[in-house]
């Protein structure tokens, strides 16, 4: 399914279209560099690993699911220089 990733000031936003999937059938796993989205029901199965352009704090994921669109807001890690 189509997936889009864009940056906001302190967040990465991931949008994934999951037609025909209920929210209860969606699973999201994050690490510092990627997001794995898995969605499965009797008729369909989706699985995708999204590589992120910057590291994230995997403990600050905000997930919403409306009209078959999954939105993840992922807080960027502050890089020390």
C-alpha atoms as a PDB file:
ATOM      1  CA  UNK A   1       0.000   0.000   0.000  1.00  0.00           C
ATOM      2  CA  UNK A   2       1.087   3.623  -0.492  1.00  0.00           C
ATOM      3  CA  UNK A   3       3.282   4.998   2.306  1.00  0.00           C
ATOM      4  CA  UNK A   4       4.467   8.577   2.706  1.00  0.00           C
ATOM      5  CA  UNK A   5       7.058   9.936   5.152  1.00  0.00           C
ATOM      6  CA  UNK A   6       7.596  13.623   5.825  1.00  0.00           C
ATOM      7  CA  UNK A   7       9.291  15.746   8.465  1.00  0.00           C
ATOM      8  CA  UNK A   8       7.892  18.315  10.833  1.00  0.00           C
ATOM      9  CA  UNK A   9      10.086  20.347  13.167  1.00  0.00           C
ATOM     10  CA  UNK A  10      10.520  17.716  15.910  1.00  0.00           C
ATOM     11  CA  UNK A  11       8.666  14.772  14.364  1.00  0.00           C
ATOM     12  CA  UNK A  12       8.613  12.374  11.467  1.00  0.00           C
ATOM     13  CA  UNK A  13       5.136  11.606  10.164  1.00  0.00           C
ATOM     14  CA  UNK A  14       4.378   8.307   8.432  1.00  0.00           C
ATOM     15  CA  UNK A  15       1.103   7.897   6.523  1.00  0.00           C
ATOM     16  CA  UNK A  16       0.066   4.451   5.288  1.00  0.00           C
ATOM     17  CA  UNK A  17      -3.069   3.593   3.341  1.00  0.00           C
ATOM     18  CA  UNK A  18      -4.549   0.271   4.526  1.00  0.00           C
ATOM     19  CA  UNK A  19      -7.808  -0.294   2.605  1.00  0.00           C
ATOM     20  CA  UNK A  20     -10.137  -2.915   4.029  1.00  0.00           C
ATOM     21  CA  UNK A  21      -8.262  -3.250   7.328  1.00  0.00           C
ATOM     22  CA  UNK A  22      -9.758  -2.571  10.779  1.00  0.00           C
ATOM     23  CA  UNK A  23      -7.706  -0.694  13.369  1.00  0.00           C
ATOM     24  CA  UNK A  24      -7.599  -3.764  15.633  1.00  0.00           C
ATOM     25  CA  UNK A  25      -5.768  -5.666  12.852  1.00  0.00           C
ATOM     26  CA  UNK A  26      -2.910  -3.141  12.600  1.00  0.00           C
ATOM     27  CA  UNK A  27       0.395  -3.698  14.417  1.00  0.00           C
ATOM     28  CA  UNK A  28       3.283  -1.227  14.482  1.00  0.00           C
ATOM     29  CA  UNK A  29       6.822  -1.908  15.689  1.00  0.00           C
ATOM     30  CA  UNK A  30       9.429   0.837  15.866  1.00  0.00           C
ATOM     31  CA  UNK A  31      13.147   1.019  16.406  1.00  0.00           C
ATOM     32  CA  UNK A  32      15.450   4.033  16.113  1.00  0.00           C
ATOM     33  CA  UNK A  33      15.821   3.771  12.333  1.00  0.00           C
ATOM     34  CA  UNK A  34      12.681   2.091  10.998  1.00  0.00           C
ATOM     35  CA  UNK A  35       8.994   1.326  11.425  1.00  0.00           C
ATOM     36  CA  UNK A  36       7.421  -2.041  10.640  1.00  0.00           C
ATOM     37  CA  UNK A  37       3.719  -1.925   9.783  1.00  0.00           C
ATOM     38  CA  UNK A  38       1.789  -5.192   9.667  1.00  0.00           C
ATOM     39  CA  UNK A  39      -1.938  -5.468   9.004  1.00  0.00           C
ATOM     40  CA  UNK A  40      -3.877  -8.654   8.463  1.00  0.00           C
ATOM     41  CA  UNK A  41      -7.439  -9.877   8.262  1.00  0.00           C
ATOM     42  CA  UNK A  42      -9.112 -12.887   6.583  1.00  0.00           C
ATOM     43  CA  UNK A  43      -8.931 -11.337   3.117  1.00  0.00           C
ATOM     44  CA  UNK A  44      -5.762  -9.195   3.119  1.00  0.00           C
ATOM     45  CA  UNK A  45      -2.270  -9.063   4.540  1.00  0.00           C
ATOM     46  CA  UNK A  46       0.115  -6.102   4.442  1.00  0.00           C
ATOM     47  CA  UNK A  47       3.645  -5.910   5.753  1.00  0.00           C
ATOM     48  CA  UNK A  48       6.133  -3.121   5.147  1.00  0.00           C
ATOM     49  CA  UNK A  49       9.343  -1.886   6.709  1.00  0.00           C
ATOM     50  CA  UNK A  50       9.854   1.866   6.387  1.00  0.00           C
ATOM     51  CA  UNK A  51      13.435   3.100   6.722  1.00  0.00           C
ATOM     52  CA  UNK A  52      13.459   6.516   8.368  1.00  0.00           C
ATOM     53  CA  UNK A  53      15.639   9.458   7.282  1.00  0.00           C
ATOM     54  CA  UNK A  54      16.565  10.285  10.879  1.00  0.00           C
ATOM     55  CA  UNK A  55      16.634   8.467  14.206  1.00  0.00           C
ATOM     56  CA  UNK A  56      13.538   8.526  16.401  1.00  0.00           C
ATOM     57  CA  UNK A  57      12.684   8.036  20.044  1.00  0.00           C
ATOM     58  CA  UNK A  58      10.822   4.741  19.766  1.00  0.00           C
ATOM     59  CA  UNK A  59       9.009   5.380  23.073  1.00  0.00           C
ATOM     60  CA  UNK A  60       7.125   8.429  21.766  1.00  0.00           C
ATOM     61  CA  UNK A  61       4.916   7.077  18.981  1.00  0.00           C
ATOM     62  CA  UNK A  62       1.510   8.686  18.458  1.00  0.00           C
ATOM     63  CA  UNK A  63      -0.760   6.482  16.325  1.00  0.00           C
ATOM     64  CA  UNK A  64      -4.118   7.376  14.766  1.00  0.00           C
ATOM     65  CA  UNK A  65      -6.206   5.371  12.306  1.00  0.00           C
ATOM     66  CA  UNK A  66      -9.072   6.983  10.399  1.00  0.00           C
ATOM     67  CA  UNK A  67     -10.706   6.214   7.039  1.00  0.00           C
ATOM     68  CA  UNK A  68      -8.195   3.406   6.338  1.00  0.00           C
ATOM     69  CA  UNK A  69      -5.232   5.784   6.815  1.00  0.00           C
ATOM     70  CA  UNK A  70      -2.659   5.018   9.515  1.00  0.00           C
ATOM     71  CA  UNK A  71      -0.797   8.072  10.798  1.00  0.00           C
ATOM     72  CA  UNK A  72       2.270   7.771  13.001  1.00  0.00           C
ATOM     73  CA  UNK A  73       3.957  10.769  14.622  1.00  0.00           C
ATOM     74  CA  UNK A  74       7.453   9.807  15.709  1.00  0.00           C
ATOM     75  CA  UNK A  75       9.558  12.141  17.865  1.00  0.00           C
ATOM     76  CA  UNK A  76      13.023  12.723  16.427  1.00  0.00           C
ATOM     77  CA  UNK A  77      16.010  12.027  18.628  1.00  0.00           C
ATOM     78  CA  UNK A  78      18.080  15.083  19.443  1.00  0.00           C
ATOM     79  CA  UNK A  79      21.525  14.535  17.985  1.00  0.00           C
ATOM     80  CA  UNK A  80      24.405  15.640  20.181  1.00  0.00           C
ATOM     81  CA  UNK A  81      27.251  17.384  18.406  1.00  0.00           C
END
